[in-house]
Amino acid sequence: MSTLHVISHSPFGDNRLASCLRLLGAQDGLLLCGDAVYALQPGSESLATLQASNLQGRLFALEEDLQARAIHADEDTRAVDYPAFVALSLDFDKVNSWL
């Protein structure tokens, strides 16, 4: 059963992202939104961790939040708008928000 994991908190304030990555299954996806998009800052430890997690095709970031924080998604991250976010939530069997 596939899960879309949604994280909205900064990776620099707690360990939600690290915990999520430990639990991520081979068919699961990860959507970064809100301050979680800071994980995509070039040169950051969180970006290196994401890149090492083999998430090709399963890592997403909310485009509006990337733009608001002047962060550019790398080639392994697909920027999505709100309609695509809704579509993603339907593509996976369930959605888990890391509050």
N, C-alpha and C. Protein backbone atom coordinates (compact mmCIF):
# COMPACT_ATOMS: atom_id res chain seq x y z
N MET A 1 0.84 -1.17 0.00
CA MET A 1 0.00 0.00 0.00
C MET A 1 0.89 1.24 0.00
N SER A 2 0.70 2.12 -0.97
CA SER A 2 1.54 3.31 -1.10
C SER A 2 0.97 4.48 -0.29
N THR A 3 1.89 5.29 0.21
CA THR A 3 1.52 6.44 1.04
C THR A 3 2.21 7.68 0.51
N LEU A 4 1.47 8.78 0.43
CA LEU A 4 2.07 10.09 0.16
C LEU A 4 2.30 10.74 1.51
N HIS A 5 3.56 10.96 1.84
CA HIS A 5 3.92 11.62 3.09
C HIS A 5 4.05 13.12 2.82
N VAL A 6 3.39 13.93 3.65
CA VAL A 6 3.38 15.38 3.49
C VAL A 6 4.05 16.01 4.70
N ILE A 7 5.10 16.78 4.44
CA ILE A 7 5.82 17.47 5.52
C ILE A 7 5.77 18.96 5.24
N SER A 8 5.44 19.73 6.28
CA SER A 8 5.34 21.18 6.11
C SER A 8 6.25 21.96 7.06
N HIS A 9 6.99 21.28 7.93
CA HIS A 9 7.85 21.96 8.89
C HIS A 9 9.30 21.97 8.41
N SER A 10 10.01 23.02 8.79
CA SER A 10 11.41 23.16 8.41
C SER A 10 12.24 21.97 8.90
N PRO A 11 13.14 21.50 8.05
CA PRO A 11 14.00 20.38 8.47
C PRO A 11 15.05 20.82 9.49
N PHE A 12 15.17 22.12 9.71
CA PHE A 12 16.20 22.63 10.61
C PHE A 12 15.69 22.81 12.04
N GLY A 13 14.38 22.59 12.25
CA GLY A 13 13.81 22.80 13.57
C GLY A 13 13.52 21.53 14.33
N ASP A 14 13.38 20.42 13.64
CA ASP A 14 13.10 19.15 14.30
C ASP A 14 13.51 18.00 13.39
N ASN A 15 13.14 16.79 13.76
CA ASN A 15 13.60 15.62 12.99
C ASN A 15 12.49 14.93 12.21
N ARG A 16 11.41 15.65 11.87
CA ARG A 16 10.31 15.03 11.11
C ARG A 16 10.79 14.45 9.78
N LEU A 17 11.60 15.20 9.06
CA LEU A 17 12.06 14.73 7.76
C LEU A 17 12.89 13.45 7.91
N ALA A 18 13.80 13.43 8.84
CA ALA A 18 14.63 12.24 9.05
C ALA A 18 13.77 11.05 9.45
N SER A 19 12.81 11.28 10.32
CA SER A 19 11.91 10.19 10.75
C SER A 19 11.10 9.67 9.57
N CYS A 20 10.61 10.58 8.76
CA CYS A 20 9.82 10.19 7.60
C CYS A 20 10.66 9.36 6.63
N LEU A 21 11.87 9.80 6.37
CA LEU A 21 12.73 9.09 5.43
C LEU A 21 13.06 7.68 5.92
N ARG A 22 13.15 7.49 7.23
CA ARG A 22 13.41 6.15 7.78
C ARG A 22 12.22 5.22 7.54
N LEU A 23 11.01 5.78 7.50
CA LEU A 23 9.80 4.96 7.35
C LEU A 23 9.30 4.85 5.92
N LEU A 24 9.87 5.62 5.02
CA LEU A 24 9.40 5.68 3.63
C LEU A 24 9.56 4.33 2.94
N GLY A 25 8.46 3.83 2.39
CA GLY A 25 8.50 2.58 1.65
C GLY A 25 8.91 2.81 0.20
N ALA A 26 9.19 1.73 -0.51
CA ALA A 26 9.67 1.81 -1.88
C ALA A 26 8.65 2.41 -2.84
N GLN A 27 7.36 2.36 -2.51
CA GLN A 27 6.33 2.93 -3.38
C GLN A 27 5.76 4.23 -2.84
N ASP A 28 6.30 4.71 -1.71
CA ASP A 28 5.79 5.94 -1.09
C ASP A 28 6.35 7.18 -1.78
N GLY A 29 5.60 8.26 -1.66
CA GLY A 29 6.04 9.55 -2.17
C GLY A 29 6.21 10.53 -1.02
N LEU A 30 6.94 11.60 -1.27
CA LEU A 30 7.17 12.63 -0.27
C LEU A 30 6.89 13.99 -0.89
N LEU A 31 5.98 14.73 -0.26
CA LEU A 31 5.65 16.09 -0.71
C LEU A 31 6.12 17.07 0.34
N LEU A 32 6.98 18.00 -0.06
CA LEU A 32 7.43 19.07 0.82
C LEU A 32 6.59 20.31 0.55
N CYS A 33 6.06 20.91 1.60
CA CYS A 33 5.30 22.15 1.46
C CYS A 33 5.62 23.05 2.64
N GLY A 34 5.17 24.29 2.58
CA GLY A 34 5.48 25.22 3.65
C GLY A 34 6.98 25.34 3.84
N ASP A 35 7.40 25.45 5.11
CA ASP A 35 8.83 25.60 5.40
C ASP A 35 9.65 24.34 5.12
N ALA A 36 9.00 23.23 4.85
CA ALA A 36 9.74 22.00 4.54
C ALA A 36 10.52 22.13 3.23
N VAL A 37 10.11 23.06 2.35
CA VAL A 37 10.85 23.23 1.10
C VAL A 37 12.27 23.74 1.34
N TYR A 38 12.55 24.26 2.54
CA TYR A 38 13.92 24.66 2.87
C TYR A 38 14.87 23.46 2.82
N ALA A 39 14.34 22.25 2.88
CA ALA A 39 15.17 21.06 2.77
C ALA A 39 15.87 20.99 1.41
N LEU A 40 15.37 21.75 0.44
CA LEU A 40 15.92 21.72 -0.92
C LEU A 40 16.98 22.80 -1.16
N GLN A 41 17.39 23.50 -0.11
CA GLN A 41 18.42 24.52 -0.28
C GLN A 41 19.74 23.88 -0.70
N PRO A 42 20.33 24.40 -1.77
CA PRO A 42 21.60 23.85 -2.24
C PRO A 42 22.66 23.86 -1.14
N GLY A 43 23.39 22.77 -1.05
CA GLY A 43 24.47 22.66 -0.08
C GLY A 43 24.04 22.26 1.32
N SER A 44 22.74 22.12 1.53
CA SER A 44 22.27 21.78 2.88
C SER A 44 22.39 20.28 3.14
N GLU A 45 22.51 19.94 4.41
CA GLU A 45 22.57 18.53 4.81
C GLU A 45 21.26 17.81 4.46
N SER A 46 20.15 18.53 4.59
CA SER A 46 18.86 17.90 4.29
C SER A 46 18.74 17.57 2.80
N LEU A 47 19.26 18.43 1.93
CA LEU A 47 19.23 18.12 0.50
C LEU A 47 20.11 16.91 0.20
N ALA A 48 21.26 16.84 0.81
CA ALA A 48 22.14 15.67 0.60
C ALA A 48 21.45 14.40 1.07
N THR A 49 20.74 14.48 2.18
CA THR A 49 20.01 13.31 2.68
C THR A 49 18.91 12.91 1.71
N LEU A 50 18.17 13.88 1.19
CA LEU A 50 17.12 13.58 0.22
C LEU A 50 17.70 12.96 -1.04
N GLN A 51 18.80 13.50 -1.52
CA GLN A 51 19.42 12.98 -2.73
C GLN A 51 19.92 11.55 -2.53
N ALA A 52 20.35 11.23 -1.33
CA ALA A 52 20.86 9.89 -1.04
C ALA A 52 19.73 8.89 -0.78
N SER A 53 18.50 9.38 -0.70
CA SER A 53 17.36 8.52 -0.34
C SER A 53 16.71 7.82 -1.53
N ASN A 54 17.26 8.01 -2.72
CA ASN A 54 16.75 7.31 -3.91
C ASN A 54 15.24 7.55 -4.12
N LEU A 55 14.86 8.82 -4.19
CA LEU A 55 13.45 9.19 -4.33
C LEU A 55 13.08 9.63 -5.75
N GLN A 56 13.87 9.27 -6.74
CA GLN A 56 13.61 9.70 -8.11
C GLN A 56 12.16 9.39 -8.48
N GLY A 57 11.46 10.44 -8.90
CA GLY A 57 10.08 10.30 -9.32
C GLY A 57 9.08 10.27 -8.18
N ARG A 58 9.58 10.34 -6.94
CA ARG A 58 8.68 10.26 -5.79
C ARG A 58 8.84 11.43 -4.83
N LEU A 59 9.65 12.44 -5.21
CA LEU A 59 9.86 13.61 -4.38
C LEU A 59 9.19 14.81 -5.05
N PHE A 60 8.31 15.47 -4.30
CA PHE A 60 7.53 16.58 -4.82
C PHE A 60 7.65 17.77 -3.88
N ALA A 61 7.47 18.97 -4.43
CA ALA A 61 7.47 20.18 -3.62
C ALA A 61 6.39 21.10 -4.16
N LEU A 62 5.68 21.74 -3.26
CA LEU A 62 4.61 22.65 -3.67
C LEU A 62 5.22 23.90 -4.29
N GLU A 63 4.88 24.12 -5.54
CA GLU A 63 5.47 25.20 -6.33
C GLU A 63 5.30 26.57 -5.68
N GLU A 64 4.13 26.84 -5.15
CA GLU A 64 3.87 28.13 -4.52
C GLU A 64 4.82 28.38 -3.34
N ASP A 65 5.10 27.36 -2.57
CA ASP A 65 5.99 27.50 -1.42
C ASP A 65 7.44 27.65 -1.86
N LEU A 66 7.82 26.99 -2.94
CA LEU A 66 9.17 27.19 -3.50
C LEU A 66 9.34 28.63 -3.94
N GLN A 67 8.36 29.16 -4.65
CA GLN A 67 8.43 30.53 -5.14
C GLN A 67 8.47 31.53 -3.99
N ALA A 68 7.65 31.31 -2.97
CA ALA A 68 7.58 32.23 -1.84
C ALA A 68 8.90 32.31 -1.08
N ARG A 69 9.69 31.25 -1.15
CA ARG A 69 10.96 31.19 -0.42
C ARG A 69 12.17 31.28 -1.35
N ALA A 70 11.92 31.58 -2.62
CA ALA A 70 12.98 31.73 -3.62
C ALA A 70 13.91 30.51 -3.66
N ILE A 71 13.29 29.33 -3.63
CA ILE A 71 14.05 28.08 -3.70
C ILE A 71 13.70 27.40 -5.01
N HIS A 72 14.71 26.87 -5.66
CA HIS A 72 14.51 26.17 -6.92
C HIS A 72 14.65 24.67 -6.70
N ALA A 73 13.70 23.92 -7.20
CA ALA A 73 13.75 22.46 -7.07
C ALA A 73 14.86 21.92 -7.96
N ASP A 74 15.58 20.91 -7.48
CA ASP A 74 16.61 20.29 -8.30
C ASP A 74 15.97 19.30 -9.27
N GLU A 75 16.77 18.64 -10.05
CA GLU A 75 16.25 17.75 -11.10
C GLU A 75 15.54 16.52 -10.54
N ASP A 76 15.78 16.18 -9.28
CA ASP A 76 15.14 15.02 -8.66
C ASP A 76 13.80 15.35 -8.00
N THR A 77 13.44 16.64 -7.99
CA THR A 77 12.22 17.09 -7.31
C THR A 77 11.25 17.66 -8.32
N ARG A 78 10.02 17.19 -8.27
CA ARG A 78 8.99 17.71 -9.17
C ARG A 78 8.16 18.76 -8.44
N ALA A 79 8.18 19.99 -8.95
CA ALA A 79 7.36 21.06 -8.40
C ALA A 79 5.92 20.85 -8.87
N VAL A 80 4.98 20.94 -7.93
CA VAL A 80 3.57 20.72 -8.25
C VAL A 80 2.73 21.89 -7.75
N ASP A 81 1.67 22.19 -8.49
CA ASP A 81 0.72 23.20 -8.04
C ASP A 81 -0.37 22.52 -7.22
N TYR A 82 -1.35 23.31 -6.75
CA TYR A 82 -2.39 22.73 -5.91
C TYR A 82 -3.23 21.66 -6.61
N PRO A 83 -3.64 21.87 -7.86
CA PRO A 83 -4.38 20.78 -8.52
C PRO A 83 -3.56 19.49 -8.64
N ALA A 84 -2.26 19.62 -8.88
CA ALA A 84 -1.41 18.42 -8.95
C ALA A 84 -1.26 17.78 -7.57
N PHE A 85 -1.27 18.59 -6.51
CA PHE A 85 -1.23 18.06 -5.15
C PHE A 85 -2.46 17.21 -4.90
N VAL A 86 -3.62 17.69 -5.31
CA VAL A 86 -4.85 16.92 -5.15
C VAL A 86 -4.76 15.62 -5.95
N ALA A 87 -4.27 15.70 -7.17
CA ALA A 87 -4.13 14.51 -8.00
C ALA A 87 -3.17 13.51 -7.34
N LEU A 88 -2.08 14.01 -6.77
CA LEU A 88 -1.13 13.12 -6.08
C LEU A 88 -1.81 12.39 -4.93
N SER A 89 -2.63 13.12 -4.19
CA SER A 89 -3.28 12.50 -3.03
C SER A 89 -4.22 11.37 -3.47
N LEU A 90 -4.69 11.44 -4.71
CA LEU A 90 -5.54 10.37 -5.24
C LEU A 90 -4.73 9.23 -5.85
N ASP A 91 -3.50 9.53 -6.28
CA ASP A 91 -2.63 8.51 -6.87
C ASP A 91 -2.10 7.52 -5.85
N PHE A 92 -1.99 7.95 -4.60
CA PHE A 92 -1.48 7.09 -3.54
C PHE A 92 -2.66 6.51 -2.76
N ASP A 93 -2.43 5.36 -2.14
CA ASP A 93 -3.50 4.70 -1.38
C ASP A 93 -3.93 5.50 -0.17
N LYS A 94 -2.97 6.16 0.47
CA LYS A 94 -3.30 7.00 1.62
C LYS A 94 -2.33 8.17 1.71
N VAL A 95 -2.70 9.15 2.53
CA VAL A 95 -1.88 10.35 2.74
C VAL A 95 -1.59 10.47 4.23
N ASN A 96 -0.33 10.70 4.55
CA ASN A 96 0.08 10.88 5.94
C ASN A 96 0.73 12.25 6.10
N SER A 97 0.08 13.13 6.84
CA SER A 97 0.65 14.46 7.11
C SER A 97 1.44 14.39 8.41
N TRP A 98 2.69 14.81 8.33
CA TRP A 98 3.56 14.81 9.49
C TRP A 98 3.38 16.12 10.24
N LEU A 99 2.41 16.13 11.15
CA LEU A 99 2.10 17.33 11.93
C LEU A 99 3.09 17.46 13.01
